[in-house]
């Protein structure tokens, strides 16, 4: 059995509570340790104190976009690990996310 310390840590950021809950449940059932945040400010607090392997974020959110969050992670938190990654989803297909970040 895998311990929590061995699990990949994912951060899911979305302003839709239902989406956060569905993603959390599905990812945890696959063995990931999942942190959730309803916005970028909350996500940054988690990122400051926790090593995260992958950030999954909604693209369109109030105040600050998911794309801005991914850029911030890449520019400011890259030193923590070579495997920090981000994935954004607009809910309408994520073709625009792939090349912008």
Foldseek 3Di string as FASTA:
>chain_A
DDDQVRAAEEEEEALDPVVQVVVCVVVVVVPHHYHYYNDLVRVVVCVVPDDHQEYEYEQDDPPDGPLVSQVCCVVPVCVVDVRYYYHYHNVVDCPVSPPPD
